[in-house]
Amino acid sequence: MFAGVAFLAIIFQLAIVVGFIVFAVKLLNRITDIAGSQKSIADSQVKLISLLSKKQTNQESVDS
């Protein structure tokens, strides 16, 4: 009887460890996705600022 209880306790502890590892991997993947999205947004903003700067430069040269 005690062997069965000990076996169940070991299985329960292993399940907790495996669950924690799965959670950590999923969290890491989600953080990586968010970081990629933030990088994409930053790149888009840099391109937008560059285009606006070129547009303003072109308008100033036409006005002169």
Protein backbone atom coordinates (compact mmCIF):
# COMPACT_ATOMS: atom_id res chain seq x y z
CA MET A 1 0.00 0.00 0.00
CA PHE A 2 2.77 2.43 0.90
CA ALA A 3 4.52 1.61 -2.38
CA GLY A 4 1.42 2.64 -4.31
CA VAL A 5 1.12 5.92 -2.41
CA ALA A 6 4.83 6.63 -2.94
CA PHE A 7 4.46 5.83 -6.64
CA LEU A 8 1.50 8.23 -6.94
CA ALA A 9 3.46 10.94 -5.12
CA ILE A 10 6.36 10.55 -7.54
CA ILE A 11 4.03 10.68 -10.54
CA PHE A 12 2.35 13.79 -9.12
CA GLN A 13 5.71 15.53 -8.65
CA LEU A 14 6.81 14.59 -12.17
CA ALA A 15 3.53 15.95 -13.56
CA ILE A 16 4.13 19.26 -11.78
CA VAL A 17 7.68 19.49 -13.15
CA VAL A 18 6.55 18.65 -16.68
CA GLY A 19 3.70 21.18 -16.41
CA PHE A 20 6.11 23.87 -15.27
CA ILE A 21 8.47 23.14 -18.17
CA VAL A 22 5.62 23.27 -20.69
CA PHE A 23 4.39 26.55 -19.21
CA ALA A 24 7.90 28.05 -19.35
CA VAL A 25 8.36 27.04 -23.00
CA LYS A 26 4.96 28.45 -24.00
CA LEU A 27 5.71 31.68 -22.13
CA LEU A 28 9.09 32.00 -23.82
CA ASN A 29 7.50 31.46 -27.25
CA ARG A 30 4.87 34.11 -26.51
CA ILE A 31 7.50 36.61 -25.35
CA THR A 32 9.49 35.93 -28.52
CA ASP A 33 6.39 36.58 -30.64
CA ILE A 34 5.73 39.85 -28.81
CA ALA A 35 9.35 40.94 -29.29
CA GLY A 36 9.11 40.20 -33.01
CA SER A 37 5.92 42.22 -33.26
CA GLN A 38 7.52 45.15 -31.44
CA LYS A 39 10.50 45.02 -33.80
CA SER A 40 8.19 45.03 -36.80
CA ILE A 41 6.27 48.03 -35.43
CA ALA A 42 9.54 49.90 -34.80
CA ASP A 43 10.75 49.18 -38.34
CA SER A 44 7.45 50.44 -39.77
CA GLN A 45 7.72 53.65 -37.75
CA VAL A 46 11.27 54.22 -38.97
CA LYS A 47 10.10 53.82 -42.58
CA LEU A 48 7.17 56.18 -41.98
CA ILE A 49 9.43 58.85 -40.49
CA SER A 50 11.83 58.47 -43.40
CA LEU A 51 9.01 58.88 -45.94
CA LEU A 52 7.59 61.90 -44.11
CA SER A 53 11.05 63.47 -43.97
CA LYS A 54 11.52 62.97 -47.72
CA LYS A 55 8.06 64.41 -48.39
CA GLN A 56 8.79 67.50 -46.29
CA THR A 57 12.16 67.96 -48.01
CA ASN A 58 10.51 67.70 -51.42
CA GLN A 59 7.81 70.23 -50.44
CA GLU A 60 10.41 72.67 -49.16
CA SER A 61 12.40 72.40 -52.40
CA VAL A 62 9.24 72.96 -54.48
CA ASP A 63 8.21 75.96 -52.36
CA SER A 64 11.62 77.63 -52.79
